[in-house]
Amino acid sequence: MNITIDIGNTRTKIGIFDEADFNTVMTAENGHPIDYDAILDRFDIQKAIVSSTIDIPADCIRAIERVPHHLMLTQETRLPFKNLYQSDSLGKDRLALAAAAAARFPEQDNLIIGCGTCITFNFINKNNEFLGGSIHPGLKMRLQAMHTFTGKLPLVQLEDISQLIGNETETNLLIGALNGAAREIDGMTGEYLVKFPEMNIIITGGDAELLVNRLKNKIFAISDCTLIGLNHILNYNA
């Protein structure tokens, strides 16, 4: 079995796979202890991969080093696709999303939209080449920006609402963030479809469920794409 560990800025997600198939997913907020040794003892783990946007906890490193085949995702890790991005600053989460699209829809044009802190567009073509994409403000970032850069607008908590017209400030801000992001995604995907009319559109990430039903184009909503992509990278390097 495989274990994939994605350590983000606010939470850690762990996926257990029977080779390419999901077995279990676990999530913990950063700061909450994770007993990695207990997880390894519970499952027959033979391969492991860790991706982190922060320093990897020492107990995680010690546990993963128990696994017969283990790796830490870096810019030097071999990838199951050709990376045509022109700089070394491409986020590990975007590498994993591209790998997930390649695993789920091989030899097809794929646009995968990650909805987290930022909204990222990531395009991998039918020749298994990652071309890049674009980075946009995420939902919480939009709400934070409207609060930070004005004198009186409040900071509101992100939640799903269905109104088109809000009658007080909090709902106005939510409508602007949610519908604005959705229309932005519609516009961007429309431009991609002009060039790649047969492409798949995949949406994933923590805020994807707030956006998917607001979008006009046919979109595959796939949860835990980062873990799927990390598992594909792990199997490719095994």
Protein backbone atom coordinates (compact mmCIF):
# COMPACT_ATOMS: atom_id res chain seq x y z
CA MET A 1 0.00 0.00 0.00
CA ASN A 2 0.99 3.63 -0.54
CA ILE A 3 0.77 6.65 1.74
CA THR A 4 0.65 10.20 0.40
CA ILE A 5 1.07 13.13 2.78
CA ASP A 6 0.21 16.68 1.73
CA ILE A 7 1.23 19.24 4.36
CA GLY A 8 -0.30 22.62 3.58
CA ASN A 9 -0.28 25.98 5.29
CA THR A 10 -3.32 25.21 7.44
CA ARG A 11 -3.94 21.46 7.34
CA THR A 12 -2.39 18.10 6.54
CA LYS A 13 -4.12 15.52 4.34
CA ILE A 14 -3.10 11.90 4.24
CA GLY A 15 -4.19 9.39 1.61
CA ILE A 16 -3.83 5.61 1.77
CA PHE A 17 -3.90 3.85 -1.60
CA ASP A 18 -4.01 0.27 -2.84
CA GLU A 19 -1.60 1.16 -5.65
CA ALA A 20 -3.87 3.50 -7.69
CA ASP A 21 -7.12 3.11 -5.73
CA PHE A 22 -8.12 5.14 -2.67
CA ASN A 23 -8.44 3.24 0.58
CA THR A 24 -8.60 5.95 3.25
CA VAL A 25 -8.29 9.75 3.55
CA MET A 26 -7.44 11.55 6.79
CA THR A 27 -7.28 15.28 7.52
CA ALA A 28 -5.86 17.20 10.48
CA GLU A 29 -5.49 20.90 11.14
CA ASN A 30 -1.87 21.97 11.53
CA GLY A 31 -0.95 22.12 15.19
CA HIS A 32 -2.93 18.97 15.98
CA PRO A 33 -0.61 15.99 16.60
CA ILE A 34 -0.57 13.22 14.01
CA ASP A 35 0.64 9.77 15.05
CA TYR A 36 2.40 8.80 11.82
CA ASP A 37 3.83 5.63 13.36
CA ALA A 38 0.35 4.45 14.28
CA ILE A 39 -0.86 5.03 10.72
CA LEU A 40 2.07 3.04 9.33
CA ASP A 41 1.37 0.25 11.83
CA ARG A 42 -2.29 0.16 10.82
CA PHE A 43 -1.62 -0.28 7.10
CA ASP A 44 0.95 -2.35 5.20
CA ILE A 45 2.73 0.68 3.73
CA GLN A 46 5.43 -0.07 1.17
CA LYS A 47 5.74 3.31 -0.57
CA ALA A 48 5.44 6.87 0.74
CA ILE A 49 5.60 10.44 -0.59
CA VAL A 50 5.51 13.74 1.30
CA SER A 51 4.75 17.15 -0.18
CA SER A 52 4.95 20.20 2.08
CA THR A 53 4.68 23.97 1.75
CA ILE A 54 6.22 24.35 5.23
CA ASP A 55 9.00 22.60 7.15
CA ILE A 56 8.24 18.89 7.40
CA PRO A 57 7.75 17.87 11.06
CA ALA A 58 10.58 15.75 12.42
CA ASP A 59 8.21 12.98 13.56
CA CYS A 60 6.84 12.73 10.01
CA ILE A 61 10.34 12.39 8.57
CA ARG A 62 11.31 9.73 11.12
CA ALA A 63 8.16 7.71 10.42
CA ILE A 64 8.40 7.93 6.63
CA GLU A 65 12.02 6.79 6.69
CA ARG A 66 10.67 3.46 7.99
CA VAL A 67 8.93 2.86 4.66
CA PRO A 68 10.93 0.72 2.17
CA HIS A 69 10.46 3.21 -0.70
CA HIS A 70 9.93 6.86 0.28
CA LEU A 71 10.54 10.26 -1.24
CA MET A 72 10.04 13.96 -0.53
CA LEU A 73 8.56 15.88 -3.47
CA THR A 74 11.02 18.51 -4.71
CA GLN A 75 11.69 20.35 -7.96
CA GLU A 76 14.15 17.56 -8.79
CA THR A 77 11.64 14.71 -8.43
CA ARG A 78 10.98 12.80 -11.63
CA LEU A 79 7.49 13.59 -12.93
CA PRO A 80 5.07 11.43 -14.96
CA PHE A 81 4.70 14.26 -17.49
CA LYS A 82 6.94 16.75 -19.30
CA ASN A 83 7.11 20.01 -17.38
CA LEU A 84 7.39 23.00 -19.75
CA TYR A 85 7.01 25.61 -17.00
CA GLN A 86 9.77 28.17 -17.40
CA SER A 87 10.74 28.73 -13.74
CA ASP A 88 11.52 26.70 -10.65
CA SER A 89 8.85 28.45 -8.58
CA LEU A 90 5.96 26.20 -9.63
CA GLY A 91 4.13 25.10 -6.49
CA LYS A 92 4.18 21.46 -5.48
CA ASP A 93 0.39 21.47 -5.29
CA ARG A 94 0.22 22.42 -8.97
CA LEU A 95 2.65 19.63 -9.88
CA ALA A 96 0.38 17.20 -8.05
CA LEU A 97 -2.76 18.53 -9.75
CA ALA A 98 -1.17 18.12 -13.18
CA ALA A 99 -0.15 14.58 -12.27
CA ALA A 100 -3.71 13.80 -11.13
CA ALA A 101 -5.15 14.96 -14.45
CA ALA A 102 -2.59 12.88 -16.34
CA ALA A 103 -3.50 9.83 -14.25
CA ARG A 104 -7.28 10.20 -14.57
CA PHE A 105 -7.48 11.35 -18.20
CA PRO A 106 -4.31 10.22 -20.03
CA GLU A 107 -3.64 11.35 -23.61
CA GLN A 108 -6.30 14.06 -23.34
CA ASP A 109 -6.24 17.83 -22.98
CA ASN A 110 -6.97 18.65 -19.34
CA LEU A 111 -7.58 21.91 -17.50
CA ILE A 112 -7.51 21.38 -13.75
CA ILE A 113 -8.70 24.20 -11.50
CA GLY A 114 -7.49 24.16 -7.91
CA CYS A 115 -9.62 26.17 -5.47
CA GLY A 116 -7.68 26.85 -2.31
CA THR A 117 -5.89 29.90 -0.96
CA CYS A 118 -5.50 30.85 -4.61
CA ILE A 119 -7.49 29.65 -7.60
CA THR A 120 -5.06 28.08 -10.05
CA PHE A 121 -5.57 27.06 -13.66
CA ASN A 122 -3.27 24.24 -14.73
CA PHE A 123 -3.20 22.89 -18.28
CA ILE A 124 -1.68 19.59 -19.36
CA ASN A 125 -2.15 18.62 -23.00
CA LYS A 126 -2.82 15.33 -24.73
CA ASN A 127 0.92 14.96 -25.36
CA ASN A 128 1.45 14.77 -21.57
CA GLU A 129 3.05 18.22 -21.47
CA PHE A 130 2.33 20.65 -18.63
CA LEU A 131 2.16 24.11 -20.19
CA GLY A 132 1.33 26.21 -17.13
CA GLY A 133 -1.78 28.30 -16.57
CA SER A 134 -2.62 31.20 -14.26
CA ILE A 135 -3.05 32.15 -10.61
CA HIS A 136 -6.05 34.09 -9.27
CA PRO A 137 -7.14 35.26 -5.81
CA GLY A 138 -9.05 32.63 -3.86
CA LEU A 139 -12.41 33.21 -2.19
CA LYS A 140 -11.10 33.98 1.29
CA MET A 141 -8.38 36.16 -0.19
CA ARG A 142 -11.02 38.25 -2.00
CA LEU A 143 -12.97 38.76 1.20
CA GLN A 144 -9.79 39.59 3.11
CA ALA A 145 -8.68 42.08 0.46
CA MET A 146 -12.00 43.96 0.48
CA HIS A 147 -11.71 44.29 4.25
CA THR A 148 -8.00 45.19 4.33
CA PHE A 149 -7.97 47.78 1.56
CA THR A 150 -11.08 49.70 2.60
CA GLY A 151 -11.89 51.72 5.67
CA LYS A 152 -15.21 50.23 6.75
CA LEU A 153 -15.99 46.98 4.94
CA PRO A 154 -16.12 44.12 7.47
CA LEU A 155 -14.27 40.83 7.24
CA VAL A 156 -16.95 38.20 6.70
CA GLN A 157 -16.64 34.44 7.02
CA LEU A 158 -16.90 32.46 3.81
CA GLU A 159 -20.20 30.63 3.40
CA ASP A 160 -22.48 29.53 0.58
CA ILE A 161 -25.38 31.81 -0.33
CA SER A 162 -27.74 31.69 -3.28
CA GLN A 163 -28.84 35.30 -3.66
CA LEU A 164 -28.09 37.43 -6.68
CA ILE A 165 -28.99 40.67 -4.93
CA GLY A 166 -27.89 41.20 -1.34
CA ASN A 167 -29.69 43.66 0.94
CA GLU A 168 -26.93 44.19 3.50
CA THR A 169 -23.15 44.52 3.39
CA GLU A 170 -22.15 41.02 4.49
CA THR A 171 -24.17 39.29 1.76
CA ASN A 172 -23.01 41.87 -0.80
CA LEU A 173 -19.41 40.89 -0.04
CA LEU A 174 -20.16 37.17 -0.23
CA ILE A 175 -22.08 37.51 -3.49
CA GLY A 176 -19.24 39.53 -4.96
CA ALA A 177 -16.60 36.99 -3.96
CA LEU A 178 -18.54 33.86 -4.95
CA ASN A 179 -20.22 35.02 -8.15
CA GLY A 180 -17.22 37.08 -9.20
CA ALA A 181 -14.93 34.06 -8.93
CA ALA A 182 -17.45 31.83 -10.71
CA ARG A 183 -17.82 34.25 -13.62
CA GLU A 184 -14.05 34.56 -13.78
CA ILE A 185 -13.71 30.79 -14.01
CA ASP A 186 -16.44 30.65 -16.68
CA GLY A 187 -14.65 33.30 -18.72
CA MET A 188 -11.27 31.61 -18.45
CA THR A 189 -12.58 28.13 -19.26
CA GLY A 190 -14.47 29.56 -22.23
CA GLU A 191 -11.24 30.94 -23.66
CA TYR A 192 -9.50 27.59 -23.17
CA LEU A 193 -12.37 25.78 -24.90
CA VAL A 194 -11.93 27.93 -28.00
CA LYS A 195 -8.40 26.54 -28.36
CA PHE A 196 -9.01 23.08 -26.91
CA PRO A 197 -12.69 22.23 -27.55
CA GLU A 198 -12.36 18.58 -26.47
CA MET A 199 -10.57 19.22 -23.20
CA ASN A 200 -11.68 17.97 -19.80
CA ILE A 201 -12.30 20.55 -17.09
CA ILE A 202 -11.61 19.38 -13.54
CA ILE A 203 -12.26 21.38 -10.37
CA THR A 204 -10.89 20.44 -6.98
CA GLY A 205 -9.77 21.91 -3.67
CA GLY A 206 -11.33 23.00 -0.41
CA ASP A 207 -13.53 25.71 -1.95
CA ALA A 208 -14.53 23.80 -5.08
CA GLU A 209 -17.94 22.80 -3.70
CA LEU A 210 -18.83 26.49 -3.26
CA LEU A 211 -18.15 27.16 -6.94
CA VAL A 212 -18.97 24.08 -8.99
CA ASN A 213 -22.75 24.59 -9.05
CA ARG A 214 -22.31 28.21 -10.14
CA LEU A 215 -20.36 27.30 -13.28
CA LYS A 216 -21.80 27.00 -16.76
CA ASN A 217 -19.46 24.54 -18.48
CA LYS A 218 -19.40 20.78 -17.94
CA ILE A 219 -16.91 20.25 -15.15
CA PHE A 220 -15.68 17.15 -13.31
CA ALA A 221 -15.58 17.80 -9.56
CA ILE A 222 -12.94 15.46 -8.11
CA SER A 223 -12.01 15.66 -4.46
CA ASP A 224 -8.49 15.01 -3.16
CA CYS A 225 -6.81 15.53 -6.54
CA THR A 226 -3.57 16.54 -4.83
CA LEU A 227 -3.38 13.16 -3.10
CA ILE A 228 -4.23 11.37 -6.36
CA GLY A 229 -1.46 13.26 -8.13
CA LEU A 230 1.07 12.58 -5.39
CA ASN A 231 0.24 8.88 -5.61
CA HIS A 232 0.77 8.95 -9.38
CA ILE A 233 4.16 10.60 -8.91
CA LEU A 234 5.06 8.06 -6.22
CA ASN A 235 4.17 5.07 -8.41
CA TYR A 236 6.09 6.62 -11.32
CA ASN A 237 9.23 6.79 -9.16
CA ALA A 238 8.83 3.36 -7.54
